[in-house]
Amino acid sequence: MSIIVRSLPDQAYEIVREHILLGTMAPGTAVQQAAVASQLGISKIPLREALGRLEQDGLVTSFPNRGYVVNTLTAEEATEVFALRLKLEPGATADGARRATPADHEHARAELLALEREQGTAGTGHVTHNRAFHMALIRPAGGITSQLMERLHILSERYVRVHLEPQGRDDRARDEHRALFDAWMAGDAAVVETLTARHIQGTLEDLQRELAG
């Protein structure tokens, strides 16, 4: 079995991303690059590369003379991101159900099981596995579709974590994912499209209530 050795920028990206998703790097605060580089035991060069990737992910923004600042969570951004998912993802997931191969089925099953193992645990694994599960359902639809949808899922990850914090949300998400997976495995594109739309719409409505204040 080969061992994957991650580069310093990759390691920095994962660590800083986790801090942002967990809120230990608070929204609206500047990233103290010297302090973070020292904590990670790296120079500022790989950290800046990591921060550039995080800016592409919508997690930080760079400002002249200020460096990088952690982006805030807003109802407006949540609405824009999830409304776009609502327009595109139901059809993309339905297309994935129509085109999925047996290998795609096994991959999706593995991602669902990995997600279910992570739900309810500390850390950010459930957020990462949530994206991986949804992308497993979408990828058979095609490469360009997958690229567009993965970008939207990356942008929505902080909001997914916020959405799952209230008691009982994990159970609801697990039930919705299971129902969606079963329909997708059966190739029932019409039901897949309906369930995907309902899943995203419910998340959007919850987030709008939570972030309204």
Protein backbone atom coordinates (compact mmCIF):
# COMPACT_ATOMS: atom_id res chain seq x y z
CA MET A 1 0.00 0.00 0.00
CA SER A 2 1.43 3.39 -1.02
CA ILE A 3 1.73 6.18 1.53
CA ILE A 4 0.48 9.59 0.44
CA VAL A 5 2.76 12.37 1.65
CA ARG A 6 1.00 15.73 1.66
CA SER A 7 2.91 18.88 0.79
CA LEU A 8 3.34 21.70 3.32
CA PRO A 9 0.76 23.90 1.55
CA ASP A 10 -1.71 20.98 1.59
CA GLN A 11 -1.13 20.41 5.30
CA ALA A 12 -1.50 24.11 6.06
CA TYR A 13 -4.67 24.27 3.95
CA GLU A 14 -6.31 21.41 5.85
CA ILE A 15 -5.38 22.73 9.30
CA VAL A 16 -6.45 26.33 8.67
CA ARG A 17 -9.62 25.16 6.91
CA GLU A 18 -10.54 23.07 9.95
CA HIS A 19 -9.96 26.01 12.29
CA ILE A 20 -12.24 28.18 10.15
CA LEU A 21 -14.98 25.56 9.91
CA LEU A 22 -14.82 24.95 13.67
CA GLY A 23 -14.88 28.67 14.41
CA THR A 24 -11.57 28.68 16.30
CA MET A 25 -10.56 31.23 13.66
CA ALA A 26 -13.55 33.48 14.13
CA PRO A 27 -15.40 35.14 11.25
CA GLY A 28 -14.24 38.70 10.65
CA THR A 29 -10.83 38.24 12.25
CA ALA A 30 -7.48 38.68 10.50
CA VAL A 31 -5.33 35.61 9.97
CA GLN A 32 -2.14 36.22 11.96
CA GLN A 33 0.20 34.70 9.43
CA ALA A 34 3.38 34.86 11.52
CA ALA A 35 1.67 33.22 14.50
CA VAL A 36 -0.04 30.56 12.38
CA ALA A 37 3.17 29.72 10.50
CA SER A 38 5.01 29.42 13.81
CA GLN A 39 2.32 27.12 15.26
CA LEU A 40 2.45 24.92 12.17
CA GLY A 41 6.25 24.92 12.08
CA ILE A 42 6.39 26.18 8.50
CA SER A 43 7.43 29.34 6.70
CA LYS A 44 4.96 31.92 5.44
CA ILE A 45 5.40 30.79 1.82
CA PRO A 46 3.40 27.52 2.02
CA LEU A 47 0.93 29.24 4.34
CA ARG A 48 0.28 31.98 1.76
CA GLU A 49 -0.28 29.29 -0.88
CA ALA A 50 -2.79 27.62 1.44
CA LEU A 51 -4.52 30.93 2.13
CA GLY A 52 -4.80 31.54 -1.61
CA ARG A 53 -6.66 28.24 -1.98
CA LEU A 54 -8.87 29.09 0.98
CA GLU A 55 -9.74 32.40 -0.68
CA GLN A 56 -10.83 30.49 -3.78
CA ASP A 57 -12.99 28.37 -1.48
CA GLY A 58 -14.70 31.49 -0.14
CA LEU A 59 -13.38 31.05 3.40
CA VAL A 60 -11.04 34.07 3.54
CA THR A 61 -10.58 37.34 1.66
CA SER A 62 -7.30 39.20 1.09
CA PHE A 63 -7.10 42.95 1.60
CA PRO A 64 -4.24 45.33 0.75
CA ASN A 65 -2.18 46.15 3.85
CA ARG A 66 -4.39 43.89 6.00
CA GLY A 67 -3.64 40.41 4.72
CA TYR A 68 -6.29 37.71 4.94
CA VAL A 69 -9.52 38.01 6.91
CA VAL A 70 -11.88 35.12 7.71
CA ASN A 71 -15.16 35.65 5.87
CA THR A 72 -18.32 36.18 7.88
CA LEU A 73 -21.41 33.99 7.62
CA THR A 74 -24.40 35.87 6.24
CA ALA A 75 -27.98 35.03 5.38
CA GLU A 76 -27.44 36.72 2.00
CA GLU A 77 -24.52 34.48 1.05
CA ALA A 78 -26.29 31.36 2.32
CA THR A 79 -29.34 32.24 0.26
CA GLU A 80 -27.28 32.82 -2.88
CA VAL A 81 -25.24 29.62 -2.56
CA PHE A 82 -28.13 27.32 -1.62
CA ALA A 83 -30.48 28.91 -4.15
CA LEU A 84 -27.92 28.10 -6.86
CA ARG A 85 -27.65 24.55 -5.54
CA LEU A 86 -31.45 24.35 -5.62
CA LYS A 87 -31.49 25.36 -9.28
CA LEU A 88 -28.73 23.02 -10.42
CA GLU A 89 -28.28 20.10 -8.04
CA PRO A 90 -31.63 18.28 -8.29
CA GLY A 91 -31.25 17.86 -12.04
CA ALA A 92 -27.56 16.99 -11.78
CA THR A 93 -28.22 14.32 -9.15
CA ALA A 94 -31.08 12.91 -11.21
CA ASP A 95 -28.76 12.72 -14.24
CA GLY A 96 -26.24 10.95 -12.04
CA ALA A 97 -28.88 8.36 -11.10
CA ARG A 98 -29.67 7.74 -14.77
CA ARG A 99 -26.03 7.29 -15.79
CA ALA A 100 -24.51 5.59 -12.75
CA THR A 101 -22.57 2.36 -13.25
CA PRO A 102 -22.19 -0.47 -10.71
CA ALA A 103 -18.83 1.06 -9.75
CA ASP A 104 -20.55 4.41 -9.14
CA HIS A 105 -23.09 2.62 -6.94
CA GLU A 106 -20.38 1.07 -4.80
CA HIS A 107 -18.57 4.38 -4.49
CA ALA A 108 -21.74 6.17 -3.41
CA ARG A 109 -22.51 3.44 -0.86
CA ALA A 110 -19.01 3.77 0.62
CA GLU A 111 -19.34 7.55 0.88
CA LEU A 112 -22.74 7.30 2.59
CA LEU A 113 -21.38 4.84 5.16
CA ALA A 114 -18.36 7.09 5.78
CA LEU A 115 -20.68 10.07 6.28
CA GLU A 116 -22.91 8.17 8.70
CA ARG A 117 -19.87 7.16 10.76
CA GLU A 118 -18.81 10.80 11.07
CA GLN A 119 -22.21 12.31 11.87
CA GLY A 120 -22.53 13.38 15.48
CA THR A 121 -18.76 13.43 16.04
CA ALA A 122 -16.55 16.41 16.84
CA GLY A 123 -14.40 18.00 14.18
CA THR A 124 -15.16 18.68 10.54
CA GLY A 125 -15.16 15.16 9.10
CA HIS A 126 -18.93 15.08 8.69
CA VAL A 127 -18.82 18.27 6.60
CA THR A 128 -16.16 16.84 4.29
CA HIS A 129 -17.97 13.51 3.98
CA ASN A 130 -21.28 15.28 3.34
CA ARG A 131 -19.72 16.92 0.28
CA ALA A 132 -18.13 13.63 -0.80
CA PHE A 133 -21.47 11.81 -0.57
CA HIS A 134 -23.40 14.37 -2.60
CA MET A 135 -20.61 14.54 -5.19
CA ALA A 136 -20.65 10.73 -5.51
CA LEU A 137 -24.29 11.03 -6.60
CA ILE A 138 -23.52 13.85 -9.03
CA ARG A 139 -20.26 12.72 -10.69
CA PRO A 140 -21.80 10.23 -13.14
CA ALA A 141 -23.64 13.22 -14.68
CA GLY A 142 -20.39 14.49 -16.23
CA GLY A 143 -17.14 16.34 -15.63
CA ILE A 144 -18.23 19.96 -16.11
CA THR A 145 -21.36 19.39 -14.03
CA SER A 146 -19.21 17.91 -11.26
CA GLN A 147 -16.77 20.83 -11.30
CA LEU A 148 -19.56 23.38 -10.99
CA MET A 149 -21.36 21.49 -8.25
CA GLU A 150 -18.20 20.83 -6.24
CA ARG A 151 -17.48 24.56 -6.22
CA LEU A 152 -20.94 25.24 -4.79
CA HIS A 153 -20.52 22.50 -2.20
CA ILE A 154 -17.19 23.95 -1.07
CA LEU A 155 -18.82 27.36 -0.69
CA SER A 156 -21.64 25.85 1.35
CA GLU A 157 -19.51 23.82 3.79
CA ARG A 158 -19.42 26.36 6.64
CA TYR A 159 -23.17 26.73 6.37
CA VAL A 160 -23.67 22.97 6.42
CA ARG A 161 -21.78 22.84 9.72
CA VAL A 162 -23.94 25.65 11.17
CA HIS A 163 -27.07 23.90 9.94
CA LEU A 164 -26.19 20.61 11.63
CA GLU A 165 -25.40 22.12 15.06
CA PRO A 166 -28.97 22.19 16.51
CA GLN A 167 -30.13 19.00 18.24
CA GLY A 168 -31.82 16.51 15.96
CA ARG A 169 -30.51 17.86 12.66
CA ASP A 170 -28.07 14.96 12.27
CA ASP A 171 -30.94 12.47 12.51
CA ARG A 172 -32.98 14.36 9.93
CA ALA A 173 -30.03 14.64 7.57
CA ARG A 174 -29.29 10.91 7.96
CA ASP A 175 -32.88 9.99 7.07
CA GLU A 176 -32.92 12.34 4.08
CA HIS A 177 -29.59 11.04 2.80
CA ARG A 178 -30.74 7.42 3.12
CA ALA A 179 -33.98 8.08 1.22
CA LEU A 180 -32.07 9.96 -1.49
CA PHE A 181 -29.47 7.20 -1.77
CA ASP A 182 -32.12 4.47 -2.08
CA ALA A 183 -33.92 6.31 -4.89
CA TRP A 184 -30.61 7.05 -6.63
CA MET A 185 -29.54 3.40 -6.45
CA ALA A 186 -32.90 2.40 -7.94
CA GLY A 187 -32.33 4.83 -10.82
CA ASP A 188 -35.59 6.64 -10.04
CA ALA A 189 -34.55 10.01 -11.42
CA ALA A 190 -37.88 11.73 -10.77
CA VAL A 191 -37.86 10.82 -7.07
CA VAL A 192 -34.16 11.71 -6.81
CA GLU A 193 -34.85 15.16 -8.22
CA THR A 194 -37.73 15.73 -5.79
CA LEU A 195 -35.83 14.51 -2.72
CA THR A 196 -32.71 16.52 -3.59
CA ALA A 197 -34.74 19.70 -3.99
CA ARG A 198 -36.56 19.08 -0.70
CA HIS A 199 -33.25 18.40 1.11
CA ILE A 200 -31.62 21.62 -0.12
CA GLN A 201 -34.75 23.74 0.39
CA GLY A 202 -35.07 22.55 3.99
CA THR A 203 -31.45 23.42 4.72
CA LEU A 204 -31.84 26.85 3.14
CA GLU A 205 -34.95 27.66 5.16
CA ASP A 206 -33.26 26.56 8.40
CA LEU A 207 -30.20 28.69 7.65
CA GLN A 208 -32.25 31.76 6.79
CA ARG A 209 -33.94 31.51 10.20
CA GLU A 210 -30.66 30.91 12.04
CA LEU A 211 -28.77 33.74 10.33
CA ALA A 212 -31.58 36.29 10.22
CA GLY A 213 -30.38 37.98 13.41
